[in-house]
C-alpha atoms as a PDB file:
ATOM      1  CA  TYR A   1       0.228   0.138  -0.160  1.00  0.00           C
ATOM      2  CA  LEU A   2       2.803   2.700   0.513  1.00  0.00           C
ATOM      3  CA  SER A   3       5.220   1.862  -1.546  1.00  0.00           C
ATOM      4  CA  VAL A   4       2.827   2.475  -4.342  1.00  0.00           C
ATOM      5  CA  PRO A   5       2.084   5.877  -5.257  1.00  0.00           C
ATOM      6  CA  HIS A   6      -1.192   8.053  -4.096  1.00  0.00           C
ATOM      7  CA  ILE A   7      -3.863   9.617  -6.169  1.00  0.00           C
ATOM      8  CA  SER A   8      -5.326  12.525  -3.385  1.00  0.00           C
ATOM      9  CA  VAL A   9      -9.047  13.345  -4.683  1.00  0.00           C
ATOM     10  CA  SER A  10      -9.217  16.972  -2.966  1.00  0.00           C
ATOM     11  CA  ARG A  11     -11.814  20.149  -4.373  1.00  0.00           C
ATOM     12  CA  LYS A  12      -8.490  22.686  -2.410  1.00  0.00           C
ATOM     13  CA  GLY A  13      -5.724  21.553  -3.887  1.00  0.00           C
ATOM     14  CA  ARG A  14      -4.042  19.725  -0.918  1.00  0.00           C
ATOM     15  CA  PHE A  15      -1.716  16.362  -1.157  1.00  0.00           C
ATOM     16  CA  HIS A  16      -2.186  16.011   2.968  1.00  0.00           C
ATOM     17  CA  GLY A  17      -5.472  15.087   4.580  1.00  0.00           C
ATOM     18  CA  PRO A  18      -6.814  12.799   6.953  1.00  0.00           C
ATOM     19  CA  ILE A  19      -5.344   9.429   5.584  1.00  0.00           C
ATOM     20  CA  ASP A  20      -1.545  10.772   6.409  1.00  0.00           C
ATOM     21  CA  ASP A  21      -2.646  12.068   9.528  1.00  0.00           C
ATOM     22  CA  ALA A  22      -3.551   8.513  10.822  1.00  0.00           C
ATOM     23  CA  LEU A  23      -0.931   6.776   8.429  1.00  0.00           C
ATOM     24  CA  SER A  24       1.564   9.763  10.704  1.00  0.00           C
ATOM     25  CA  GLU A  25       0.242   7.824  14.436  1.00  0.00           C
ATOM     26  CA  GLN A  26       1.890   4.603  13.007  1.00  0.00           C
ATOM     27  CA  GLY A  27       5.419   6.582  11.975  1.00  0.00           C
ATOM     28  CA  ARG A  28       4.416   5.126   8.560  1.00  0.00           C
ATOM     29  CA  GLU A  29       3.919   7.574   5.713  1.00  0.00           C
ATOM     30  CA  ARG A  30       2.379   7.656   1.252  1.00  0.00           C
ATOM     31  CA  ASN A  31       3.553   9.041  -1.513  1.00  0.00           C
ATOM     32  CA  VAL A  32       1.284  11.368  -2.840  1.00  0.00           C
ATOM     33  CA  ILE A  33       2.680  12.241  -6.463  1.00  0.00           C
ATOM     34  CA  ALA A  34      -1.138  14.017  -7.901  1.00  0.00           C
ATOM     35  CA  VAL A  35      -4.135  15.768  -6.889  1.00  0.00           C
ATOM     36  CA  VAL A  36      -7.565  15.728  -8.552  1.00  0.00           C
ATOM     37  CA  PRO A  37     -10.634  17.894  -7.990  1.00  0.00           C
ATOM     38  CA  ASN A  38     -13.004  15.116  -7.919  1.00  0.00           C
ATOM     39  CA  PHE A  39     -13.752  11.390  -7.577  1.00  0.00           C
ATOM     40  CA  LYS A  40     -14.127  10.951 -11.177  1.00  0.00           C
ATOM     41  CA  SER A  41     -11.174  12.242 -12.442  1.00  0.00           C
ATOM     42  CA  GLY A  42      -9.346  10.011  -9.259  1.00  0.00           C
ATOM     43  CA  ILE A  43     -11.103   7.444 -10.852  1.00  0.00           C
ATOM     44  CA  GLU A  44      -9.979   7.644 -14.076  1.00  0.00           C
ATOM     45  CA  LEU A  45      -5.687   8.351 -13.289  1.00  0.00           C
ATOM     46  CA  ALA A  46      -5.835   5.202 -11.679  1.00  0.00           C
ATOM     47  CA  GLU A  47      -7.239   3.272 -14.247  1.00  0.00           C
ATOM     48  CA  ARG A  48      -4.808   4.348 -16.726  1.00  0.00           C
ATOM     49  CA  SER A  49      -1.693   3.804 -14.295  1.00  0.00           C
ATOM     50  CA  ASP A  50      -0.530   1.698 -10.842  1.00  0.00           C
ATOM     51  CA  TRP A  51      -1.537   4.717  -8.909  1.00  0.00           C
ATOM     52  CA  ILE A  52      -3.988   4.655  -5.735  1.00  0.00           C
ATOM     53  CA  ALA A  53      -6.791   6.873  -5.835  1.00  0.00           C
ATOM     54  CA  HIS A  54      -8.955   7.397  -1.565  1.00  0.00           C
ATOM     55  CA  VAL A  55     -12.937   7.706  -3.131  1.00  0.00           C
ATOM     56  CA  PRO A  56     -15.358   6.752  -1.047  1.00  0.00           C
ATOM     57  CA  GLU A  57     -16.684   3.287  -2.451  1.00  0.00           C
ATOM     58  CA  LYS A  58     -20.172   4.266  -3.902  1.00  0.00           C
ATOM     59  CA  HIS A  59     -18.454   6.289  -6.555  1.00  0.00           C
ATOM     60  CA  THR A  60     -16.647   2.452  -7.475  1.00  0.00           C
ATOM     61  CA  ALA A  61     -18.952   1.354  -9.473  1.00  0.00           C
ATOM     62  CA  GLN A  62     -19.036   3.465 -12.466  1.00  0.00           C
ATOM     63  CA  ALA A  63     -14.673   2.247 -12.272  1.00  0.00           C
ATOM     64  CA  ARG A  64     -13.598  -0.518 -15.480  1.00  0.00           C
ATOM     65  CA  HIS A  65     -14.114  -4.522 -14.239  1.00  0.00           C
ATOM     66  CA  ASP A  66     -10.428  -4.445 -13.995  1.00  0.00           C
ATOM     67  CA  VAL A  67     -10.012  -1.738 -11.852  1.00  0.00           C
ATOM     68  CA  VAL A  68      -9.326  -3.191  -8.350  1.00  0.00           C
ATOM     69  CA  THR A  69     -10.643  -2.070  -4.720  1.00  0.00           C
ATOM     70  CA  PHE A  70     -10.242  -2.721  -0.772  1.00  0.00           C
ATOM     71  CA  ASP A  71     -10.632  -0.646   2.339  1.00  0.00           C
ATOM     72  CA  LEU A  72      -8.744   2.047   3.133  1.00  0.00           C
ATOM     73  CA  PRO A  73      -5.151   0.143   6.013  1.00  0.00           C
ATOM     74  CA  VAL A  74      -6.034   3.059   8.845  1.00  0.00           C
ATOM     75  CA  ALA A  75      -9.555   4.501  10.090  1.00  0.00           C
ATOM     76  CA  THR A  76      -9.859   7.954   9.246  1.00  0.00           C
ATOM     77  CA  PRO A  77     -12.828  10.391  11.258  1.00  0.00           C
ATOM     78  CA  ALA A  78     -16.000  10.020   9.478  1.00  0.00           C
ATOM     79  CA  LEU A  79     -17.303  13.143   7.534  1.00  0.00           C
ATOM     80  CA  ALA A  80     -19.355  16.416   9.080  1.00  0.00           C
ATOM     81  CA  ILE A  81     -22.102  16.903   6.747  1.00  0.00           C
ATOM     82  CA  SER A  82     -23.234  20.958   7.891  1.00  0.00           C
ATOM     83  CA  ILE A  83     -26.337  22.864   6.478  1.00  0.00           C
ATOM     84  CA  MET A  84     -26.282  26.714   6.722  1.00  0.00           C
ATOM     85  CA  TRP A  85     -28.875  29.213   5.822  1.00  0.00           C
ATOM     86  CA  HIS A  86     -29.421  33.168   6.937  1.00  0.00           C
ATOM     87  CA  PRO A  87     -31.013  33.602   9.878  1.00  0.00           C
ATOM     88  CA  ARG A  88     -33.883  35.935   7.488  1.00  0.00           C
ATOM     89  CA  PHE A  89     -34.609  32.228   6.386  1.00  0.00           C
ATOM     90  CA  GLU A  90     -35.465  31.475   9.556  1.00  0.00           C
ATOM     91  CA  ARG A  91     -38.563  31.643   9.861  1.00  0.00           C
ATOM     92  CA  ASP A  92     -39.409  31.044   6.130  1.00  0.00           C
ATOM     93  CA  ALA A  93     -42.109  27.488   5.375  1.00  0.00           C
ATOM     94  CA  VAL A  94     -40.411  26.179   2.348  1.00  0.00           C
ATOM     95  CA  HIS A  95     -36.622  26.566   3.574  1.00  0.00           C
ATOM     96  CA  ALA A  96     -37.647  25.066   6.760  1.00  0.00           C
ATOM     97  CA  GLY A  97     -39.109  21.601   4.105  1.00  0.00           C
ATOM     98  CA  LEU A  98     -36.087  21.997   2.349  1.00  0.00           C
ATOM     99  CA  ARG A  99     -33.236  21.776   6.208  1.00  0.00           C
ATOM    100  CA  ASP A 100     -36.080  19.041   6.936  1.00  0.00           C
ATOM    101  CA  LEU A 101     -35.412  17.592   3.472  1.00  0.00           C
ATOM    102  CA  ILE A 102     -31.709  17.966   3.555  1.00  0.00           C
ATOM    103  CA  VAL A 103     -31.631  16.304   7.514  1.00  0.00           C
ATOM    104  CA  ASN A 104     -33.988  13.121   6.747  1.00  0.00           C
ATOM    105  CA  VAL A 105     -31.750  12.195   3.690  1.00  0.00           C
ATOM    106  CA  CYS A 106     -28.536  12.853   5.355  1.00  0.00           C
ATOM    107  CA  ARG A 107     -29.273  10.219   7.826  1.00  0.00           C
ATOM    108  CA  GLN A 108     -31.280   8.082   5.932  1.00  0.00           C
ATOM    109  CA  VAL A 109     -27.945   7.217   4.516  1.00  0.00           C
ATOM    110  CA  VAL A 110     -26.538   6.975   7.400  1.00  0.00           C
ATOM    111  CA  GLU A 111     -28.605   4.840   8.405  1.00  0.00           C
ATOM    112  CA  ALA A 112     -28.368   1.843   5.593  1.00  0.00           C
ATOM    113  CA  THR A 113     -24.476   2.795   5.364  1.00  0.00           C
ATOM    114  CA  ASN A 114     -24.402   1.464   9.156  1.00  0.00           C
ATOM    115  CA  ARG A 115     -26.397  -1.769   7.896  1.00  0.00           C
END
């Protein structure tokens, strides 16, 4: 795992992230040689190379059949999903309904993932 070049997926162009923090706690590090802005680009680059791209499993369905997937060898923190709105929308019924819908969908995804 550590002997193979890695692709970082980061909208902000970061080479270092939670995987690197987890590896660092073990006194290890990976060799990130490319950064791409989204999961699709990470998969496409991995398909054309011998590199490892870290993408959520649900995104690997679009990968070629000869692409190998595996769980991370380190634990990383769960992602926090937040929604924010301007105070003027606090009492807006339509906006409140949209917020509730977003929260309910996120809860369903989390529950389905934890099964």
